[in-house]
Each structure stands twice: as structure tokens, then as C-alpha cells.
């Protein structure tokens, strides 16, 4: 497989894994790092800042990006074309699961 034909495999794998890991990172609060804007503190993993609010969004994005990149690189170097062995109906799995995940996350807001 040439380098040019590996990029779509990497991109699709990255997008799918990124979305799935981002959901779990937000739901279970797994940031790679956290930031306290009032104090300017950057702390590794999930630690509240000493003063003021703590931002975890940057850490969730970094966690998801690293997991997506690692999974994309692994799938990219598998022999053959891994996408040809999958059923094409699985293309609907990611959007349907994403909608279900968003509904699950918002359900607490609308049912309180």
C-alpha cells in the first residue's frame, strides 16, 4: 500500500477513535492535563487548581488526539486494506452511536 493510499485509512480511524475516546474522556473526566486560568497552573491529569475554576477541555482534546493518532498509525500499517474486510453498513454505526451518546449526556439536563 502506498503512502498516499494510507492517509484515508488513518483519517477515518483517527476520526472514529477520537470521537469514541472523547466521549469517555468527558464522561469519566480523563484529561491528560488540566488548566487553572485564574492562577495560570497547568497540572498533569485530573487535578483541580488551587484557586478558581479548572478547565479540563484541553486535556480531553489531547487525550482523544493521542489515542486517535496511535490507533490510526496502528491500523495504517496493517497488511492489506483493513477497510475492505468490514461490512459497509458499519458506516452508520459511528453517527448513530454519536447521537445516542449526545442524548445520554444531555438527558440529565432535560430530566432534572
PDB file of N, CA and C in Angstrom:
ATOM      1  N   UNK A   1       0.859  -1.167   0.000  1.00  0.00           N
ATOM      2  CA  UNK A   1       0.000   0.000   0.000  1.00  0.00           C
ATOM      3  C   UNK A   1       0.906   1.229   0.000  1.00  0.00           C
ATOM      4  N   UNK A   2       0.645   2.174  -0.878  1.00  0.00           N
ATOM      5  CA  UNK A   2       1.476   3.378  -0.951  1.00  0.00           C
ATOM      6  C   UNK A   2       1.109   4.345   0.168  1.00  0.00           C
ATOM      7  N   UNK A   3       1.989   5.318   0.382  1.00  0.00           N
ATOM      8  CA  UNK A   3       1.731   6.306   1.433  1.00  0.00           C
ATOM      9  C   UNK A   3       0.477   7.109   1.147  1.00  0.00           C
ATOM     10  N   UNK A   4       0.209   7.363  -0.130  1.00  0.00           N
ATOM     11  CA  UNK A   4      -0.953   8.154  -0.485  1.00  0.00           C
ATOM     12  C   UNK A   4      -2.255   7.408  -0.163  1.00  0.00           C
ATOM     13  N   UNK A   5      -2.273   6.103  -0.317  1.00  0.00           N
ATOM     14  CA  UNK A   5      -3.497   5.360  -0.035  1.00  0.00           C
ATOM     15  C   UNK A   5      -3.650   5.048   1.454  1.00  0.00           C
ATOM     16  N   UNK A   6      -2.635   5.308   2.256  1.00  0.00           N
ATOM     17  CA  UNK A   6      -2.738   5.067   3.702  1.00  0.00           C
ATOM     18  C   UNK A   6      -3.406   6.226   4.433  1.00  0.00           C
ATOM     19  N   UNK A   7      -3.358   7.403   3.884  1.00  0.00           N
ATOM     20  CA  UNK A   7      -3.923   8.551   4.593  1.00  0.00           C
ATOM     21  C   UNK A   7      -5.429   8.423   4.836  1.00  0.00           C
ATOM     22  N   UNK A   8      -6.239   8.003   3.850  1.00  0.00           N
ATOM     23  CA  UNK A   8      -7.673   7.846   4.160  1.00  0.00           C
ATOM     24  C   UNK A   8      -7.942   6.838   5.268  1.00  0.00           C
ATOM     25  N   UNK A   9      -7.161   5.771   5.318  1.00  0.00           N
ATOM     26  CA  UNK A   9      -7.327   4.776   6.388  1.00  0.00           C
ATOM     27  C   UNK A   9      -6.999   5.422   7.730  1.00  0.00           C
ATOM     28  N   UNK A  10      -5.909   6.183   7.778  1.00  0.00           N
ATOM     29  CA  UNK A  10      -5.535   6.874   9.008  1.00  0.00           C
ATOM     30  C   UNK A  10      -6.617   7.875   9.414  1.00  0.00           C
ATOM     31  N   UNK A  11      -7.103   8.654   8.454  1.00  0.00           N
ATOM     32  CA  UNK A  11      -8.067   9.715   8.762  1.00  0.00           C
ATOM     33  C   UNK A  11      -9.381   9.151   9.305  1.00  0.00           C
ATOM     34  N   UNK A  12      -9.878   8.098   8.689  1.00  0.00           N
ATOM     35  CA  UNK A  12     -11.141   7.508   9.152  1.00  0.00           C
ATOM     36  C   UNK A  12     -10.967   6.883  10.527  1.00  0.00           C
ATOM     37  N   UNK A  13      -9.870   6.161  10.703  1.00  0.00           N
ATOM     38  CA  UNK A  13      -9.617   5.545  12.009  1.00  0.00           C
ATOM     39  C   UNK A  13      -9.442   6.594  13.089  1.00  0.00           C
ATOM     40  N   UNK A  14      -8.693   7.654  12.790  1.00  0.00           N
ATOM     41  CA  UNK A  14      -8.484   8.740  13.739  1.00  0.00           C
ATOM     42  C   UNK A  14      -9.816   9.357  14.151  1.00  0.00           C
ATOM     43  N   UNK A  15     -10.673   9.640  13.171  1.00  0.00           N
ATOM     44  CA  UNK A  15     -11.957  10.292  13.468  1.00  0.00           C
ATOM     45  C   UNK A  15     -12.845   9.426  14.344  1.00  0.00           C
ATOM     46  N   UNK A  16     -12.906   8.139  14.044  1.00  0.00           N
ATOM     47  CA  UNK A  16     -13.774   7.236  14.806  1.00  0.00           C
ATOM     48  C   UNK A  16     -13.250   7.069  16.233  1.00  0.00           C
ATOM     49  N   UNK A  17     -11.962   6.811  16.366  1.00  0.00           N
ATOM     50  CA  UNK A  17     -11.386   6.599  17.700  1.00  0.00           C
ATOM     51  C   UNK A  17     -11.402   7.894  18.501  1.00  0.00           C
ATOM     52  N   UNK A  18     -11.121   9.020  17.857  1.00  0.00           N
ATOM     53  CA  UNK A  18     -11.143  10.311  18.534  1.00  0.00           C
ATOM     54  C   UNK A  18     -12.523  10.579  19.145  1.00  0.00           C
ATOM     55  N   UNK A  19     -13.576  10.360  18.349  1.00  0.00           N
ATOM     56  CA  UNK A  19     -14.935  10.612  18.839  1.00  0.00           C
ATOM     57  C   UNK A  19     -15.288   9.705  20.013  1.00  0.00           C
ATOM     58  N   UNK A  20     -14.924   8.433  19.907  1.00  0.00           N
ATOM     59  CA  UNK A  20     -15.249   7.492  20.982  1.00  0.00           C
ATOM     60  C   UNK A  20     -14.469   7.813  22.252  1.00  0.00           C
ATOM     61  N   UNK A  21     -13.181   8.077  22.119  1.00  0.00           N
ATOM     62  CA  UNK A  21     -12.355   8.376  23.298  1.00  0.00           C
ATOM     63  C   UNK A  21     -12.760   9.711  23.913  1.00  0.00           C
ATOM     64  N   UNK A  22     -13.137  10.682  23.082  1.00  0.00           N
ATOM     65  CA  UNK A  22     -13.566  11.977  23.616  1.00  0.00           C
ATOM     66  C   UNK A  22     -14.813  11.814  24.484  1.00  0.00           C
ATOM     67  N   UNK A  23     -15.749  11.001  24.039  1.00  0.00           N
ATOM     68  CA  UNK A  23     -16.956  10.774  24.835  1.00  0.00           C
ATOM     69  C   UNK A  23     -16.590  10.213  26.212  1.00  0.00           C
ATOM     70  N   UNK A  24     -15.750   9.178  26.234  1.00  0.00           N
ATOM     71  CA  UNK A  24     -15.380   8.567  27.512  1.00  0.00           C
ATOM     72  C   UNK A  24     -14.509   9.503  28.351  1.00  0.00           C
ATOM     73  N   UNK A  25     -13.672  10.300  27.706  1.00  0.00           N
ATOM     74  CA  UNK A  25     -12.830  11.245  28.442  1.00  0.00           C
ATOM     75  C   UNK A  25     -13.679  12.303  29.144  1.00  0.00           C
ATOM     76  N   UNK A  26     -14.714  12.759  28.472  1.00  0.00           N
ATOM     77  CA  UNK A  26     -15.603  13.756  29.088  1.00  0.00           C
ATOM     78  C   UNK A  26     -16.468  13.102  30.155  1.00  0.00           C
ATOM     79  N   UNK A  27     -17.036  11.951  29.836  1.00  0.00           N
ATOM     80  CA  UNK A  27     -17.966  11.299  30.758  1.00  0.00           C
ATOM     81  C   UNK A  27     -17.280  10.872  32.055  1.00  0.00           C
ATOM     82  N   UNK A  28     -16.092  10.315  31.947  1.00  0.00           N
ATOM     83  CA  UNK A  28     -15.377   9.850  33.135  1.00  0.00           C
ATOM     84  C   UNK A  28     -14.315  10.833  33.619  1.00  0.00           C
ATOM     85  N   UNK A  29     -14.204  11.984  32.972  1.00  0.00           N
ATOM     86  CA  UNK A  29     -13.258  13.049  33.318  1.00  0.00           C
ATOM     87  C   UNK A  29     -11.816  12.522  33.347  1.00  0.00           C
ATOM     88  N   UNK A  30     -11.331  12.134  32.150  1.00  0.00           N
ATOM     89  CA  UNK A  30      -9.969  11.639  31.981  1.00  0.00           C
ATOM     90  C   UNK A  30      -9.134  12.630  31.200  1.00  0.00           C
ATOM     91  N   UNK A  31      -8.833  13.809  31.723  1.00  0.00           N
ATOM     92  CA  UNK A  31      -7.984  14.736  30.966  1.00  0.00           C
ATOM     93  C   UNK A  31      -6.508  14.354  31.074  1.00  0.00           C
ATOM     94  N   UNK A  32      -5.754  14.621  30.030  1.00  0.00           N
ATOM     95  CA  UNK A  32      -4.313  14.403  30.073  1.00  0.00           C
ATOM     96  C   UNK A  32      -3.664  15.444  30.981  1.00  0.00           C
ATOM     97  N   UNK A  33      -4.245  16.632  30.983  1.00  0.00           N
ATOM     98  CA  UNK A  33      -3.796  17.697  31.872  1.00  0.00           C
ATOM     99  C   UNK A  33      -4.968  18.624  32.136  1.00  0.00           C
ATOM    100  N   UNK A  34      -4.866  19.460  33.152  1.00  0.00           N
ATOM    101  CA  UNK A  34      -5.899  20.432  33.475  1.00  0.00           C
ATOM    102  C   UNK A  34      -5.252  21.815  33.616  1.00  0.00           C
ATOM    103  N   UNK A  35      -6.083  22.835  33.449  1.00  0.00           N
ATOM    104  CA  UNK A  35      -5.576  24.213  33.454  1.00  0.00           C
ATOM    105  C   UNK A  35      -6.436  25.063  34.364  1.00  0.00           C
ATOM    106  N   UNK A  36      -5.786  25.788  35.247  1.00  0.00           N
ATOM    107  CA  UNK A  36      -6.466  26.752  36.111  1.00  0.00           C
ATOM    108  C   UNK A  36      -6.197  28.145  35.583  1.00  0.00           C
ATOM    109  N   UNK A  37      -7.136  28.766  34.866  1.00  0.00           N
ATOM    110  CA  UNK A  37      -6.872  30.061  34.232  1.00  0.00           C
ATOM    111  C   UNK A  37      -6.638  31.200  35.216  1.00  0.00           C
ATOM    112  N   UNK A  38      -7.251  31.129  36.376  1.00  0.00           N
ATOM    113  CA  UNK A  38      -7.086  32.219  37.339  1.00  0.00           C
ATOM    114  C   UNK A  38      -5.670  32.245  37.914  1.00  0.00           C
ATOM    115  N   UNK A  39      -5.078  31.071  38.078  1.00  0.00           N
ATOM    116  CA  UNK A  39      -3.731  31.005  38.638  1.00  0.00           C
ATOM    117  C   UNK A  39      -2.671  30.722  37.581  1.00  0.00           C
ATOM    118  N   UNK A  40      -3.090  30.342  36.361  1.00  0.00           N
ATOM    119  CA  UNK A  40      -2.144  30.006  35.305  1.00  0.00           C
ATOM    120  C   UNK A  40      -1.465  28.672  35.515  1.00  0.00           C
ATOM    121  N   UNK A  41      -2.082  27.785  36.275  1.00  0.00           N
ATOM    122  CA  UNK A  41      -1.497  26.473  36.578  1.00  0.00           C
ATOM    123  C   UNK A  41      -1.869  25.442  35.511  1.00  0.00           C
ATOM    124  N   UNK A  42      -0.859  24.725  35.012  1.00  0.00           N
ATOM    125  CA  UNK A  42      -1.049  23.563  34.153  1.00  0.00           C
ATOM    126  C   UNK A  42      -0.666  22.352  34.988  1.00  0.00           C
ATOM    127  N   UNK A  43      -1.616  21.467  35.239  1.00  0.00           N
ATOM    128  CA  UNK A  43      -1.376  20.306  36.092  1.00  0.00           C
ATOM    129  C   UNK A  43      -1.610  19.026  35.302  1.00  0.00           C
ATOM    130  N   UNK A  44      -0.783  18.025  35.555  1.00  0.00           N
ATOM    131  CA  UNK A  44      -0.903  16.754  34.865  1.00  0.00           C
ATOM    132  C   UNK A  44      -2.109  15.982  35.398  1.00  0.00           C
ATOM    133  N   UNK A  45      -2.853  15.378  34.497  1.00  0.00           N
ATOM    134  CA  UNK A  45      -4.046  14.579  34.781  1.00  0.00           C
ATOM    135  C   UNK A  45      -5.146  15.413  35.436  1.00  0.00           C
ATOM    136  N   UNK A  46      -5.996  14.798  36.215  1.00  0.00           N
ATOM    137  CA  UNK A  46      -7.188  15.444  36.757  1.00  0.00           C
ATOM    138  C   UNK A  46      -6.910  16.020  38.142  1.00  0.00           C
ATOM    139  N   UNK A  47      -6.469  17.264  38.186  1.00  0.00           N
ATOM    140  CA  UNK A  47      -6.220  17.935  39.455  1.00  0.00           C
ATOM    141  C   UNK A  47      -6.893  19.301  39.436  1.00  0.00           C
ATOM    142  N   UNK A  48      -7.674  19.616  40.446  1.00  0.00           N
ATOM    143  CA  UNK A  48      -8.267  20.949  40.500  1.00  0.00           C
ATOM    144  C   UNK A  48      -7.209  22.012  40.793  1.00  0.00           C
ATOM    145  N   UNK A  49      -7.408  23.186  40.262  1.00  0.00           N
ATOM    146  CA  UNK A  49      -6.485  24.291  40.521  1.00  0.00           C
ATOM    147  C   UNK A  49      -6.611  24.728  41.970  1.00  0.00           C
ATOM    148  N   UNK A  50      -5.592  25.396  42.459  1.00  0.00           N
ATOM    149  CA  UNK A  50      -5.606  25.807  43.862  1.00  0.00           C
ATOM    150  C   UNK A  50      -6.612  26.930  44.117  1.00  0.00           C
ATOM    151  N   UNK A  51      -6.911  27.710  43.083  1.00  0.00           N
ATOM    152  CA  UNK A  51      -7.848  28.825  43.258  1.00  0.00           C
ATOM    153  C   UNK A  51      -8.646  28.997  41.964  1.00  0.00           C
ATOM    154  N   UNK A  52      -9.937  29.126  42.079  1.00  0.00           N
ATOM    155  CA  UNK A  52     -10.779  29.370  40.916  1.00  0.00           C
ATOM    156  C   UNK A  52     -11.155  28.097  40.176  1.00  0.00           C
ATOM    157  N   UNK A  53     -11.821  28.274  39.027  1.00  0.00           N
ATOM    158  CA  UNK A  53     -12.277  27.107  38.262  1.00  0.00           C
ATOM    159  C   UNK A  53     -11.124  26.413  37.537  1.00  0.00           C
ATOM    160  N   UNK A  54     -11.361  25.180  37.157  1.00  0.00           N
ATOM    161  CA  UNK A  54     -10.374  24.393  36.425  1.00  0.00           C
ATOM    162  C   UNK A  54     -10.955  24.006  35.076  1.00  0.00           C
ATOM    163  N   UNK A  55     -10.146  24.128  34.031  1.00  0.00           N
ATOM    164  CA  UNK A  55     -10.578  23.763  32.682  1.00  0.00           C
ATOM    165  C   UNK A  55      -9.983  22.406  32.321  1.00  0.00           C
ATOM    166  N   UNK A  56     -10.845  21.483  31.929  1.00  0.00           N
ATOM    167  CA  UNK A  56     -10.405  20.154  31.541  1.00  0.00           C
ATOM    168  C   UNK A  56     -10.484  19.927  30.035  1.00  0.00           C
ATOM    169  N   UNK A  57     -11.110  20.818  29.305  1.00  0.00           N
ATOM    170  CA  UNK A  57     -11.370  20.623  27.880  1.00  0.00           C
ATOM    171  C   UNK A  57     -10.087  20.392  27.093  1.00  0.00           C
ATOM    172  N   UNK A  58      -9.063  21.169  27.349  1.00  0.00           N
ATOM    173  CA  UNK A  58      -7.795  20.986  26.640  1.00  0.00           C
ATOM    174  C   UNK A  58      -7.234  19.590  26.879  1.00  0.00           C
ATOM    175  N   UNK A  59      -7.327  19.106  28.085  1.00  0.00           N
ATOM    176  CA  UNK A  59      -6.842  17.774  28.420  1.00  0.00           C
ATOM    177  C   UNK A  59      -7.651  16.678  27.759  1.00  0.00           C
ATOM    178  N   UNK A  60      -8.980  16.868  27.668  1.00  0.00           N
ATOM    179  CA  UNK A  60      -9.812  15.881  26.982  1.00  0.00           C
ATOM    180  C   UNK A  60      -9.454  15.816  25.505  1.00  0.00           C
ATOM    181  N   UNK A  61      -9.217  16.979  24.906  1.00  0.00           N
ATOM    182  CA  UNK A  61      -8.844  17.020  23.487  1.00  0.00           C
ATOM    183  C   UNK A  61      -7.499  16.335  23.261  1.00  0.00           C
ATOM    184  N   UNK A  62      -6.540  16.564  24.138  1.00  0.00           N
ATOM    185  CA  UNK A  62      -5.218  15.948  23.992  1.00  0.00           C
ATOM    186  C   UNK A  62      -5.298  14.433  24.190  1.00  0.00           C
ATOM    187  N   UNK A  63      -6.061  13.990  25.166  1.00  0.00           N
ATOM    188  CA  UNK A  63      -6.237  12.556  25.393  1.00  0.00           C
ATOM    189  C   UNK A  63      -6.827  11.889  24.154  1.00  0.00           C
ATOM    190  N   UNK A  64      -7.854  12.495  23.595  1.00  0.00           N
ATOM    191  CA  UNK A  64      -8.516  11.932  22.420  1.00  0.00           C
ATOM    192  C   UNK A  64      -7.609  11.959  21.201  1.00  0.00           C
ATOM    193  N   UNK A  65      -6.866  13.042  21.022  1.00  0.00           N
ATOM    194  CA  UNK A  65      -5.985  13.157  19.859  1.00  0.00           C
ATOM    195  C   UNK A  65      -4.860  12.129  19.900  1.00  0.00           C
ATOM    196  N   UNK A  66      -4.290  11.913  21.055  1.00  0.00           N
ATOM    197  CA  UNK A  66      -3.213  10.918  21.169  1.00  0.00           C
ATOM    198  C   UNK A  66      -3.757   9.512  20.917  1.00  0.00           C
ATOM    199  N   UNK A  67      -4.896   9.186  21.494  1.00  0.00           N
ATOM    200  CA  UNK A  67      -5.479   7.854  21.275  1.00  0.00           C
ATOM    201  C   UNK A  67      -5.855   7.655  19.810  1.00  0.00           C
ATOM    202  N   UNK A  68      -6.422   8.674  19.183  1.00  0.00           N
ATOM    203  CA  UNK A  68      -6.791   8.575  17.774  1.00  0.00           C
ATOM    204  C   UNK A  68      -5.576   8.433  16.870  1.00  0.00           C
ATOM    205  N   UNK A  69      -4.511   9.173  17.173  1.00  0.00           N
ATOM    206  CA  UNK A  69      -3.298   9.091  16.362  1.00  0.00           C
ATOM    207  C   UNK A  69      -2.632   7.726  16.497  1.00  0.00           C
ATOM    208  N   UNK A  70      -2.571   7.204  17.699  1.00  0.00           N
ATOM    209  CA  UNK A  70      -1.959   5.880  17.907  1.00  0.00           C
ATOM    210  C   UNK A  70      -2.770   4.804  17.176  1.00  0.00           C
ATOM    211  N   UNK A  71      -4.094   4.827  17.331  1.00  0.00           N
ATOM    212  CA  UNK A  71      -4.938   3.837  16.655  1.00  0.00           C
ATOM    213  C   UNK A  71      -4.834   3.988  15.139  1.00  0.00           C
ATOM    214  N   UNK A  72      -4.801   5.218  14.646  1.00  0.00           N
ATOM    215  CA  UNK A  72      -4.681   5.450  13.208  1.00  0.00           C
ATOM    216  C   UNK A  72      -3.373   4.932  12.651  1.00  0.00           C
ATOM    217  N   UNK A  73      -2.290   5.144  13.371  1.00  0.00           N
ATOM    218  CA  UNK A  73      -0.987   4.649  12.905  1.00  0.00           C
ATOM    219  C   UNK A  73      -0.932   3.123  12.933  1.00  0.00           C
ATOM    220  N   UNK A  74      -1.526   2.522  13.947  1.00  0.00           N
ATOM    221  CA  UNK A  74      -1.533   1.052  14.019  1.00  0.00           C
ATOM    222  C   UNK A  74      -2.313   0.469  12.844  1.00  0.00           C
ATOM    223  N   UNK A  75      -3.505   0.994  12.594  1.00  0.00           N
ATOM    224  CA  UNK A  75      -4.331   0.479  11.502  1.00  0.00           C
ATOM    225  C   UNK A  75      -3.704   0.783  10.144  1.00  0.00           C
ATOM    226  N   UNK A  76      -3.008   1.892  10.054  1.00  0.00           N
ATOM    227  CA  UNK A  76      -2.369   2.298   8.800  1.00  0.00           C
ATOM    228  C   UNK A  76      -1.314   1.292   8.351  1.00  0.00           C
ATOM    229  N   UNK A  77      -0.642   0.685   9.267  1.00  0.00           N
ATOM    230  CA  UNK A  77       0.440  -0.227   8.930  1.00  0.00           C
ATOM    231  C   UNK A  77       0.044  -1.701   8.982  1.00  0.00           C
ATOM    232  N   UNK A  78      -1.234  -1.999   9.083  1.00  0.00           N
ATOM    233  CA  UNK A  78      -1.688  -3.375   8.973  1.00  0.00           C
ATOM    234  C   UNK A  78      -1.531  -3.823   7.525  1.00  0.00           C
ATOM    235  N   UNK A  79      -1.207  -5.074   7.309  1.00  0.00           N
ATOM    236  CA  UNK A  79      -1.048  -5.528   5.923  1.00  0.00           C
ATOM    237  C   UNK A  79      -2.389  -5.558   5.198  1.00  0.00           C
ATOM    238  N   UNK A  80      -2.354  -5.274   3.928  1.00  0.00           N
ATOM    239  CA  UNK A  80      -3.571  -5.275   3.123  1.00  0.00           C
ATOM    240  C   UNK A  80      -4.381  -4.017   3.369  1.00  0.00           C
ATOM    241  N   UNK A  81      -5.630  -4.061   3.017  1.00  0.00           N
ATOM    242  CA  UNK A  81      -6.535  -2.934   3.218  1.00  0.00           C
ATOM    243  C   UNK A  81      -7.583  -3.339   4.244  1.00  0.00           C
ATOM    244  N   UNK A  82      -7.442  -2.895   5.502  1.00  0.00           N
ATOM    245  CA  UNK A  82      -8.384  -3.337   6.541  1.00  0.00           C
ATOM    246  C   UNK A  82      -9.821  -2.907   6.285  1.00  0.00           C
ATOM    247  N   UNK A  83     -10.025  -1.839   5.551  1.00  0.00           N
ATOM    248  CA  UNK A  83     -11.380  -1.357   5.292  1.00  0.00           C
ATOM    249  C   UNK A  83     -12.180  -2.252   4.373  1.00  0.00           C
ATOM    250  N   UNK A  84     -11.516  -3.011   3.535  1.00  0.00           N
ATOM    251  CA  UNK A  84     -12.234  -3.883   2.599  1.00  0.00           C
ATOM    252  C   UNK A  84     -12.851  -5.087   3.286  1.00  0.00           C
ATOM    253  N   UNK A  85     -12.361  -5.440   4.442  1.00  0.00           N
ATOM    254  CA  UNK A  85     -12.876  -6.603   5.155  1.00  0.00           C
ATOM    255  C   UNK A  85     -14.087  -6.267   6.016  1.00  0.00           C
ATOM    256  N   UNK A  86     -14.402  -4.995   6.153  1.00  0.00           N
ATOM    257  CA  UNK A  86     -15.524  -4.583   7.005  1.00  0.00           C
ATOM    258  C   UNK A  86     -16.807  -4.477   6.196  1.00  0.00           C
ATOM    259  N   UNK A  87     -17.900  -4.745   6.851  1.00  0.00           N
ATOM    260  CA  UNK A  87     -19.208  -4.585   6.233  1.00  0.00           C
ATOM    261  C   UNK A  87     -19.489  -3.097   6.064  1.00  0.00           C
ATOM    262  N   UNK A  88     -20.005  -2.685   4.925  1.00  0.00           N
ATOM    263  CA  UNK A  88     -20.223  -1.260   4.644  1.00  0.00           C
ATOM    264  C   UNK A  88     -21.308  -0.655   5.537  1.00  0.00           C
ATOM    265  N   UNK A  89     -22.188  -1.465   6.077  1.00  0.00           N
ATOM    266  CA  UNK A  89     -23.230  -0.957   6.972  1.00  0.00           C
ATOM    267  C   UNK A  89     -22.687  -0.414   8.283  1.00  0.00           C
ATOM    268  N   UNK A  90     -21.429  -0.744   8.611  1.00  0.00           N
ATOM    269  CA  UNK A  90     -20.819  -0.213   9.831  1.00  0.00           C
ATOM    270  C   UNK A  90     -20.578   1.295   9.741  1.00  0.00           C
ATOM    271  N   UNK A  91     -20.670   1.848   8.544  1.00  0.00           N
ATOM    272  CA  UNK A  91     -20.504   3.294   8.392  1.00  0.00           C
ATOM    273  C   UNK A  91     -21.578   4.058   9.162  1.00  0.00           C
ATOM    274  N   UNK A  92     -22.720   3.433   9.394  1.00  0.00           N
ATOM    275  CA  UNK A  92     -23.792   4.069  10.155  1.00  0.00           C
ATOM    276  C   UNK A  92     -23.597   3.935  11.652  1.00  0.00           C
ATOM    277  N   UNK A  93     -22.713   3.068  12.070  1.00  0.00           N
ATOM    278  CA  UNK A  93     -22.523   2.817  13.492  1.00  0.00           C
ATOM    279  C   UNK A  93     -22.010   4.046  14.242  1.00  0.00           C
ATOM    280  N   UNK A  94     -21.055   4.742  13.689  1.00  0.00           N
ATOM    281  CA  UNK A  94     -20.476   5.904  14.366  1.00  0.00           C
ATOM    282  C   UNK A  94     -21.493   7.041  14.517  1.00  0.00           C
ATOM    283  N   UNK A  95     -22.204   7.459  13.450  1.00  0.00           N
ATOM    284  CA  UNK A  95     -23.190   8.536  13.664  1.00  0.00           C
ATOM    285  C   UNK A  95     -24.309   8.159  14.620  1.00  0.00           C
ATOM    286  N   UNK A  96     -24.796   6.918  14.537  1.00  0.00           N
ATOM    287  CA  UNK A  96     -25.887   6.501  15.430  1.00  0.00           C
ATOM    288  C   UNK A  96     -25.399   6.477  16.880  1.00  0.00           C
ATOM    289  N   UNK A  97     -24.211   5.940  17.104  1.00  0.00           N
ATOM    290  CA  UNK A  97     -23.663   5.918  18.463  1.00  0.00           C
ATOM    291  C   UNK A  97     -23.372   7.320  18.973  1.00  0.00           C
ATOM    292  N   UNK A  98     -22.942   8.218  18.089  1.00  0.00           N
ATOM    293  CA  UNK A  98     -22.686   9.601  18.495  1.00  0.00           C
ATOM    294  C   UNK A  98     -23.973  10.290  18.928  1.00  0.00           C
ATOM    295  N   UNK A  99     -25.036  10.084  18.183  1.00  0.00           N
ATOM    296  CA  UNK A  99     -26.324  10.676  18.554  1.00  0.00           C
ATOM    297  C   UNK A  99     -26.808  10.104  19.880  1.00  0.00           C
ATOM    298  N   UNK A 100     -26.652   8.796  20.063  1.00  0.00           N
ATOM    299  CA  UNK A 100     -27.057   8.173  21.323  1.00  0.00           C
ATOM    300  C   UNK A 100     -26.223   8.693  22.489  1.00  0.00           C
ATOM    301  N   UNK A 101     -24.929   8.906  22.272  1.00  0.00           N
ATOM    302  CA  UNK A 101     -24.064   9.419  23.333  1.00  0.00           C
ATOM    303  C   UNK A 101     -24.441  10.849  23.698  1.00  0.00           C
ATOM    304  N   UNK A 102     -24.726  11.672  22.718  1.00  0.00           N
ATOM    305  CA  UNK A 102     -25.139  13.057  22.991  1.00  0.00           C
ATOM    306  C   UNK A 102     -26.472  13.061  23.739  1.00  0.00           C
ATOM    307  N   UNK A 103     -27.403  12.213  23.322  1.00  0.00           N
ATOM    308  CA  UNK A 103     -28.696  12.127  24.017  1.00  0.00           C
ATOM    309  C   UNK A 103     -28.502  11.677  25.460  1.00  0.00           C
ATOM    310  N   UNK A 104     -27.592  10.744  25.667  1.00  0.00           N
ATOM    311  CA  UNK A 104     -27.327  10.266  27.024  1.00  0.00           C
ATOM    312  C   UNK A 104     -26.718  11.360  27.889  1.00  0.00           C
ATOM    313  N   UNK A 105     -25.794  12.123  27.329  1.00  0.00           N
ATOM    314  CA  UNK A 105     -25.150  13.190  28.097  1.00  0.00           C
ATOM    315  C   UNK A 105     -26.119  14.329  28.400  1.00  0.00           C
ATOM    316  N   UNK A 106     -27.036  14.613  27.479  1.00  0.00           N
ATOM    317  CA  UNK A 106     -27.984  15.708  27.690  1.00  0.00           C
ATOM    318  C   UNK A 106     -29.221  15.284  28.474  1.00  0.00           C
ATOM    319  N   UNK A 107     -29.430  13.994  28.643  1.00  0.00           N
ATOM    320  CA  UNK A 107     -30.654  13.542  29.308  1.00  0.00           C
ATOM    321  C   UNK A 107     -30.732  14.031  30.757  1.00  0.00           C
ATOM    322  N   UNK A 108     -29.617  14.122  31.433  1.00  0.00           N
ATOM    323  CA  UNK A 108     -29.636  14.628  32.801  1.00  0.00           C
ATOM    324  C   UNK A 108     -30.029  16.080  32.878  1.00  0.00           C
ATOM    325  N   UNK A 109     -29.703  16.846  31.860  1.00  0.00           N
ATOM    326  CA  UNK A 109     -30.052  18.262  31.834  1.00  0.00           C
ATOM    327  C   UNK A 109     -31.555  18.459  31.658  1.00  0.00           C
ATOM    328  N   UNK A 110     -32.168  17.656  30.781  1.00  0.00           N
ATOM    329  CA  UNK A 110     -33.582  17.842  30.478  1.00  0.00           C
ATOM    330  C   UNK A 110     -34.507  17.120  31.448  1.00  0.00           C
ATOM    331  N   UNK A 111     -33.985  16.199  32.234  1.00  0.00           N
ATOM    332  CA  UNK A 111     -34.863  15.434  33.119  1.00  0.00           C
ATOM    333  C   UNK A 111     -34.677  15.781  34.586  1.00  0.00           C
ATOM    334  N   UNK A 112     -34.019  16.859  34.883  1.00  0.00           N
ATOM    335  CA  UNK A 112     -33.854  17.205  36.302  1.00  0.00           C
ATOM    336  C   UNK A 112     -35.009  17.988  36.832  1.00  0.00           C
TER     337      UNK A 112
END
